[in-house]
Amino acid sequence: MPLTFAATGEVNTIKAVRGRNETVRFLESMGFVEGAAITVVSKLAGNLIVNVKDARVALNKDLASKIMI
């Protein structure tokens, strides 16, 4: 299921990153790799703030929907 459906505060594991090659490489460079633990810190209008690899990252709805948990 896409990251956009994750509950706030719940720890999940990234199963896959989908999208065009540039998008996948961009997300992987920020730490969104298969097997990494990810936690949604907050949601606002579909946009997310997540904690991945001890860093907080803001994602818009489109990028978050490409990350499968």
N, C-alpha and C. Protein backbone atom coordinates (compact mmCIF):
# COMPACT_ATOMS: atom_id res chain seq x y z
N MET A 1 0.84 -1.17 0.00
CA MET A 1 0.00 0.00 0.00
C MET A 1 0.89 1.24 0.00
N PRO A 2 0.43 2.33 -0.56
CA PRO A 2 1.24 3.55 -0.62
C PRO A 2 1.43 4.17 0.77
N LEU A 3 2.50 4.91 0.92
CA LEU A 3 2.81 5.57 2.18
C LEU A 3 1.71 6.54 2.61
N THR A 4 0.96 7.07 1.67
CA THR A 4 -0.09 8.03 2.00
C THR A 4 -1.17 7.42 2.89
N PHE A 5 -1.28 6.09 2.94
CA PHE A 5 -2.29 5.42 3.77
C PHE A 5 -1.76 5.04 5.15
N ALA A 6 -0.51 5.33 5.44
CA ALA A 6 0.07 4.95 6.74
C ALA A 6 -0.49 5.83 7.85
N ALA A 7 -0.63 5.24 9.02
CA ALA A 7 -1.11 5.99 10.19
C ALA A 7 0.04 6.79 10.79
N THR A 8 -0.28 7.93 11.37
CA THR A 8 0.72 8.76 12.01
C THR A 8 1.29 8.05 13.23
N GLY A 9 2.62 8.05 13.35
CA GLY A 9 3.29 7.43 14.48
C GLY A 9 3.57 5.95 14.33
N GLU A 10 3.06 5.33 13.31
CA GLU A 10 3.23 3.89 13.09
C GLU A 10 4.53 3.64 12.32
N VAL A 11 5.34 2.70 12.79
CA VAL A 11 6.59 2.36 12.10
C VAL A 11 6.28 1.34 11.01
N ASN A 12 6.70 1.64 9.79
CA ASN A 12 6.50 0.75 8.64
C ASN A 12 7.83 0.47 7.97
N THR A 13 7.84 -0.51 7.09
CA THR A 13 9.03 -0.85 6.31
C THR A 13 8.76 -0.58 4.85
N ILE A 14 9.71 0.05 4.18
CA ILE A 14 9.55 0.34 2.75
C ILE A 14 9.71 -0.96 1.98
N LYS A 15 8.70 -1.31 1.18
CA LYS A 15 8.74 -2.53 0.37
C LYS A 15 9.26 -2.25 -1.04
N ALA A 16 8.93 -1.08 -1.59
CA ALA A 16 9.36 -0.74 -2.95
C ALA A 16 9.22 0.76 -3.16
N VAL A 17 9.98 1.27 -4.11
CA VAL A 17 9.86 2.66 -4.55
C VAL A 17 9.56 2.60 -6.04
N ARG A 18 8.45 3.21 -6.43
CA ARG A 18 8.01 3.13 -7.83
C ARG A 18 8.08 4.49 -8.49
N GLY A 19 8.00 4.49 -9.81
CA GLY A 19 8.01 5.74 -10.56
C GLY A 19 9.05 5.71 -11.65
N ARG A 20 9.26 6.88 -12.25
CA ARG A 20 10.28 6.98 -13.29
C ARG A 20 11.66 6.84 -12.67
N ASN A 21 12.64 6.52 -13.50
CA ASN A 21 14.00 6.30 -12.99
C ASN A 21 14.53 7.49 -12.20
N GLU A 22 14.28 8.72 -12.69
CA GLU A 22 14.77 9.91 -11.99
C GLU A 22 14.13 10.02 -10.61
N THR A 23 12.85 9.72 -10.53
CA THR A 23 12.13 9.81 -9.26
C THR A 23 12.65 8.78 -8.27
N VAL A 24 12.84 7.57 -8.74
CA VAL A 24 13.34 6.49 -7.87
C VAL A 24 14.74 6.84 -7.36
N ARG A 25 15.61 7.31 -8.23
CA ARG A 25 16.97 7.68 -7.81
C ARG A 25 16.96 8.83 -6.81
N PHE A 26 16.08 9.81 -7.04
CA PHE A 26 15.96 10.95 -6.13
C PHE A 26 15.54 10.50 -4.74
N LEU A 27 14.50 9.65 -4.67
CA LEU A 27 14.01 9.17 -3.38
C LEU A 27 15.06 8.28 -2.69
N GLU A 28 15.73 7.44 -3.46
CA GLU A 28 16.75 6.57 -2.87
C GLU A 28 17.92 7.38 -2.33
N SER A 29 18.25 8.50 -2.98
CA SER A 29 19.35 9.34 -2.49
C SER A 29 19.01 10.01 -1.16
N MET A 30 17.72 10.13 -0.86
CA MET A 30 17.29 10.72 0.41
C MET A 30 17.07 9.66 1.48
N GLY A 31 17.32 8.39 1.18
CA GLY A 31 17.21 7.34 2.18
C GLY A 31 15.99 6.46 2.06
N PHE A 32 15.15 6.70 1.06
CA PHE A 32 13.95 5.88 0.86
C PHE A 32 14.32 4.66 0.03
N VAL A 33 14.91 3.68 0.71
CA VAL A 33 15.35 2.45 0.05
C VAL A 33 14.56 1.27 0.60
N GLU A 34 14.50 0.22 -0.17
CA GLU A 34 13.79 -1.00 0.22
C GLU A 34 14.35 -1.54 1.54
N GLY A 35 13.47 -1.83 2.49
CA GLY A 35 13.88 -2.38 3.77
C GLY A 35 14.09 -1.35 4.86
N ALA A 36 14.08 -0.08 4.53
CA ALA A 36 14.28 0.97 5.53
C ALA A 36 13.02 1.17 6.35
N ALA A 37 13.20 1.49 7.63
CA ALA A 37 12.07 1.80 8.51
C ALA A 37 11.64 3.24 8.27
N ILE A 38 10.34 3.48 8.24
CA ILE A 38 9.81 4.81 7.98
C ILE A 38 8.62 5.06 8.91
N THR A 39 8.56 6.27 9.47
CA THR A 39 7.48 6.65 10.37
C THR A 39 6.88 7.96 9.89
N VAL A 40 5.56 8.02 9.80
CA VAL A 40 4.89 9.27 9.45
C VAL A 40 4.79 10.12 10.72
N VAL A 41 5.39 11.31 10.68
CA VAL A 41 5.37 12.21 11.83
C VAL A 41 4.10 13.03 11.83
N SER A 42 3.74 13.58 10.65
CA SER A 42 2.49 14.35 10.56
C SER A 42 1.98 14.37 9.13
N LYS A 43 0.68 14.64 9.01
CA LYS A 43 0.01 14.75 7.71
C LYS A 43 -0.73 16.07 7.67
N LEU A 44 -0.66 16.74 6.52
CA LEU A 44 -1.39 17.99 6.34
C LEU A 44 -1.77 18.11 4.87
N ALA A 45 -3.04 18.02 4.58
CA ALA A 45 -3.57 18.15 3.22
C ALA A 45 -2.94 17.15 2.26
N GLY A 46 -2.67 15.94 2.74
CA GLY A 46 -2.09 14.91 1.88
C GLY A 46 -0.58 14.93 1.84
N ASN A 47 0.05 16.02 2.29
CA ASN A 47 1.51 16.09 2.35
C ASN A 47 1.97 15.50 3.67
N LEU A 48 3.15 14.89 3.66
CA LEU A 48 3.63 14.16 4.84
C LEU A 48 4.98 14.67 5.31
N ILE A 49 5.19 14.58 6.60
CA ILE A 49 6.53 14.71 7.18
C ILE A 49 6.84 13.33 7.74
N VAL A 50 7.94 12.75 7.28
CA VAL A 50 8.29 11.39 7.69
C VAL A 50 9.67 11.36 8.32
N ASN A 51 9.90 10.34 9.11
CA ASN A 51 11.19 10.10 9.71
C ASN A 51 11.76 8.85 9.06
N VAL A 52 12.87 9.01 8.35
CA VAL A 52 13.52 7.88 7.70
C VAL A 52 15.03 8.01 7.92
N LYS A 53 15.65 6.95 8.41
CA LYS A 53 17.09 6.93 8.69
C LYS A 53 17.51 8.11 9.55
N ASP A 54 16.79 8.34 10.64
CA ASP A 54 17.07 9.41 11.61
C ASP A 54 17.07 10.81 11.01
N ALA A 55 16.31 11.01 9.95
CA ALA A 55 16.17 12.33 9.34
C ALA A 55 14.69 12.58 9.06
N ARG A 56 14.26 13.81 9.24
CA ARG A 56 12.88 14.17 8.91
C ARG A 56 12.86 14.78 7.51
N VAL A 57 11.92 14.28 6.72
CA VAL A 57 11.80 14.71 5.33
C VAL A 57 10.35 15.03 5.03
N ALA A 58 10.12 16.13 4.34
CA ALA A 58 8.77 16.49 3.91
C ALA A 58 8.56 15.97 2.50
N LEU A 59 7.42 15.33 2.27
CA LEU A 59 7.08 14.78 0.96
C LEU A 59 5.72 15.30 0.54
N ASN A 60 5.59 15.64 -0.74
CA ASN A 60 4.26 15.99 -1.22
C ASN A 60 3.49 14.70 -1.51
N LYS A 61 2.21 14.85 -1.75
CA LYS A 61 1.32 13.71 -1.95
C LYS A 61 1.78 12.82 -3.10
N ASP A 62 2.27 13.41 -4.21
CA ASP A 62 2.69 12.63 -5.37
C ASP A 62 3.89 11.75 -5.06
N LEU A 63 4.91 12.30 -4.39
CA LEU A 63 6.09 11.50 -4.06
C LEU A 63 5.74 10.43 -3.03
N ALA A 64 4.93 10.77 -2.05
CA ALA A 64 4.57 9.80 -1.02
C ALA A 64 3.80 8.61 -1.61
N SER A 65 3.03 8.85 -2.64
CA SER A 65 2.25 7.77 -3.25
C SER A 65 3.13 6.79 -4.03
N LYS A 66 4.36 7.14 -4.31
CA LYS A 66 5.28 6.27 -5.04
C LYS A 66 6.07 5.34 -4.11
N ILE A 67 5.96 5.57 -2.79
CA ILE A 67 6.66 4.75 -1.82
C ILE A 67 5.67 3.72 -1.27
N MET A 68 5.99 2.44 -1.47
CA MET A 68 5.11 1.35 -1.04
C MET A 68 5.61 0.78 0.28
N ILE A 69 4.65 0.57 1.20
CA ILE A 69 5.02 0.01 2.52
C ILE A 69 4.30 -1.31 2.72
